[in-house]
Amino acid sequence: MQREAKRVKKELKNIHVEAEASGVRVVVTAEQEIISIEIAESVPREQIAALLTDALNRALKKAQVVSAEKMQVIMSEMGMPTPES
């Protein structure tokens, strides 16, 4: 089971999820680690914090969904009950 958990963790590191908010683009792994942040030159300085927060929150939520879906697949393969069962 530990070997399977390590495999899933490695797989999640390799899945990239992105979100954008009006010129601010964020890429995170399915393990919720930030890969990159891009801010267009046209984004007004006073809006960067709010747009960055929005893009990060959306990217992290997407990453949580991907991670949960992967874990459900693994659990069902191992014969464990999942929320959909």
C-alpha atoms as a PDB file:
ATOM      1  CA  MET A   1       0.000   0.000   0.000  1.00  0.00           C
ATOM      2  CA  GLN A   2       2.884   2.405   0.763  1.00  0.00           C
ATOM      3  CA  ARG A   3       4.381   1.667  -2.633  1.00  0.00           C
ATOM      4  CA  GLU A   4       1.065   2.541  -4.267  1.00  0.00           C
ATOM      5  CA  ALA A   5       0.848   5.785  -2.256  1.00  0.00           C
ATOM      6  CA  LYS A   6       4.354   6.772  -3.399  1.00  0.00           C
ATOM      7  CA  ARG A   7       3.429   6.040  -6.995  1.00  0.00           C
ATOM      8  CA  VAL A   8       0.321   8.211  -6.756  1.00  0.00           C
ATOM      9  CA  LYS A   9       2.277  11.031  -5.103  1.00  0.00           C
ATOM     10  CA  LYS A  10       4.828  10.947  -7.929  1.00  0.00           C
ATOM     11  CA  GLU A  11       2.016  10.920 -10.483  1.00  0.00           C
ATOM     12  CA  LEU A  12       0.339  13.925  -8.835  1.00  0.00           C
ATOM     13  CA  LYS A  13       3.604  15.893  -9.033  1.00  0.00           C
ATOM     14  CA  ASN A  14       3.591  15.403 -12.794  1.00  0.00           C
ATOM     15  CA  ILE A  15       0.014  16.622 -13.331  1.00  0.00           C
ATOM     16  CA  HIS A  16      -0.118  20.367 -13.927  1.00  0.00           C
ATOM     17  CA  VAL A  17      -3.282  22.408 -13.460  1.00  0.00           C
ATOM     18  CA  GLU A  18      -3.673  26.054 -14.430  1.00  0.00           C
ATOM     19  CA  ALA A  19      -6.020  28.940 -13.811  1.00  0.00           C
ATOM     20  CA  GLU A  20      -6.105  32.486 -15.126  1.00  0.00           C
ATOM     21  CA  ALA A  21      -7.632  35.701 -13.847  1.00  0.00           C
ATOM     22  CA  SER A  22      -7.486  38.722 -16.172  1.00  0.00           C
ATOM     23  CA  GLY A  23      -3.849  38.435 -17.182  1.00  0.00           C
ATOM     24  CA  VAL A  24      -2.551  36.534 -14.152  1.00  0.00           C
ATOM     25  CA  ARG A  25      -1.816  32.874 -14.922  1.00  0.00           C
ATOM     26  CA  VAL A  26      -0.911  30.292 -12.276  1.00  0.00           C
ATOM     27  CA  VAL A  27       0.237  26.698 -12.776  1.00  0.00           C
ATOM     28  CA  VAL A  28       0.254  24.229  -9.859  1.00  0.00           C
ATOM     29  CA  THR A  29       0.761  20.488  -9.553  1.00  0.00           C
ATOM     30  CA  ALA A  30      -2.052  18.177  -8.507  1.00  0.00           C
ATOM     31  CA  GLU A  31      -0.046  17.931  -5.275  1.00  0.00           C
ATOM     32  CA  GLN A  32      -0.760  21.670  -4.799  1.00  0.00           C
ATOM     33  CA  GLU A  33       2.761  22.983  -5.358  1.00  0.00           C
ATOM     34  CA  ILE A  34       3.136  26.191  -7.365  1.00  0.00           C
ATOM     35  CA  ILE A  35       5.022  25.663 -10.626  1.00  0.00           C
ATOM     36  CA  SER A  36       4.763  29.116 -12.169  1.00  0.00           C
ATOM     37  CA  ILE A  37       3.093  32.496 -11.965  1.00  0.00           C
ATOM     38  CA  GLU A  38       2.848  34.798 -14.968  1.00  0.00           C
ATOM     39  CA  ILE A  39       1.578  38.370 -14.764  1.00  0.00           C
ATOM     40  CA  ALA A  40       0.922  40.240 -17.992  1.00  0.00           C
ATOM     41  CA  GLU A  41       2.467  43.683 -18.266  1.00  0.00           C
ATOM     42  CA  SER A  42      -0.992  45.123 -18.898  1.00  0.00           C
ATOM     43  CA  VAL A  43      -2.253  44.149 -15.411  1.00  0.00           C
ATOM     44  CA  PRO A  44      -2.533  47.264 -13.221  1.00  0.00           C
ATOM     45  CA  ARG A  45      -0.211  47.032 -10.216  1.00  0.00           C
ATOM     46  CA  GLU A  46      -3.018  47.680  -7.716  1.00  0.00           C
ATOM     47  CA  GLN A  47      -4.979  44.668  -9.049  1.00  0.00           C
ATOM     48  CA  ILE A  48      -2.158  42.117  -8.987  1.00  0.00           C
ATOM     49  CA  ALA A  49      -2.753  40.894  -5.419  1.00  0.00           C
ATOM     50  CA  ALA A  50      -6.496  40.310  -5.906  1.00  0.00           C
ATOM     51  CA  LEU A  51      -6.061  38.654  -9.306  1.00  0.00           C
ATOM     52  CA  LEU A  52      -3.209  36.489  -8.053  1.00  0.00           C
ATOM     53  CA  THR A  53      -5.275  35.375  -5.066  1.00  0.00           C
ATOM     54  CA  ASP A  54      -8.188  34.521  -7.349  1.00  0.00           C
ATOM     55  CA  ALA A  55      -6.056  32.568  -9.839  1.00  0.00           C
ATOM     56  CA  LEU A  56      -4.211  30.690  -7.085  1.00  0.00           C
ATOM     57  CA  ASN A  57      -7.415  29.726  -5.292  1.00  0.00           C
ATOM     58  CA  ARG A  58      -8.983  28.442  -8.493  1.00  0.00           C
ATOM     59  CA  ALA A  59      -5.861  26.498  -9.491  1.00  0.00           C
ATOM     60  CA  LEU A  60      -5.581  24.915  -6.046  1.00  0.00           C
ATOM     61  CA  LYS A  61      -9.256  23.905  -6.075  1.00  0.00           C
ATOM     62  CA  LYS A  62      -8.773  22.276  -9.475  1.00  0.00           C
ATOM     63  CA  ALA A  63      -5.705  20.474  -8.118  1.00  0.00           C
ATOM     64  CA  GLN A  64      -7.732  19.171  -5.167  1.00  0.00           C
ATOM     65  CA  VAL A  65     -10.363  17.773  -7.535  1.00  0.00           C
ATOM     66  CA  VAL A  66      -7.738  16.033  -9.685  1.00  0.00           C
ATOM     67  CA  SER A  67      -6.056  14.604  -6.592  1.00  0.00           C
ATOM     68  CA  ALA A  68      -9.345  13.343  -5.147  1.00  0.00           C
ATOM     69  CA  GLU A  69     -10.265  11.702  -8.457  1.00  0.00           C
ATOM     70  CA  LYS A  70      -6.885   9.923  -8.593  1.00  0.00           C
ATOM     71  CA  MET A  71      -7.272   8.710  -5.021  1.00  0.00           C
ATOM     72  CA  GLN A  72     -10.771   7.357  -5.746  1.00  0.00           C
ATOM     73  CA  VAL A  73      -9.403   5.338  -8.666  1.00  0.00           C
ATOM     74  CA  ILE A  74      -6.612   3.912  -6.499  1.00  0.00           C
ATOM     75  CA  MET A  75      -8.986   3.103  -3.643  1.00  0.00           C
ATOM     76  CA  SER A  76     -11.426   1.338  -5.940  1.00  0.00           C
ATOM     77  CA  GLU A  77      -8.557  -0.646  -7.535  1.00  0.00           C
ATOM     78  CA  MET A  78      -7.576  -1.769  -4.043  1.00  0.00           C
ATOM     79  CA  GLY A  79     -11.162  -2.827  -3.307  1.00  0.00           C
ATOM     80  CA  MET A  80     -11.716  -0.069  -0.755  1.00  0.00           C
ATOM     81  CA  PRO A  81     -15.069   1.744  -0.612  1.00  0.00           C
ATOM     82  CA  THR A  82     -15.203   5.166  -2.275  1.00  0.00           C
ATOM     83  CA  PRO A  83     -17.803   7.916  -1.894  1.00  0.00           C
ATOM     84  CA  GLU A  84     -19.345   6.854  -5.208  1.00  0.00           C
ATOM     85  CA  SER A  85     -19.662   3.187  -4.105  1.00  0.00           C
END
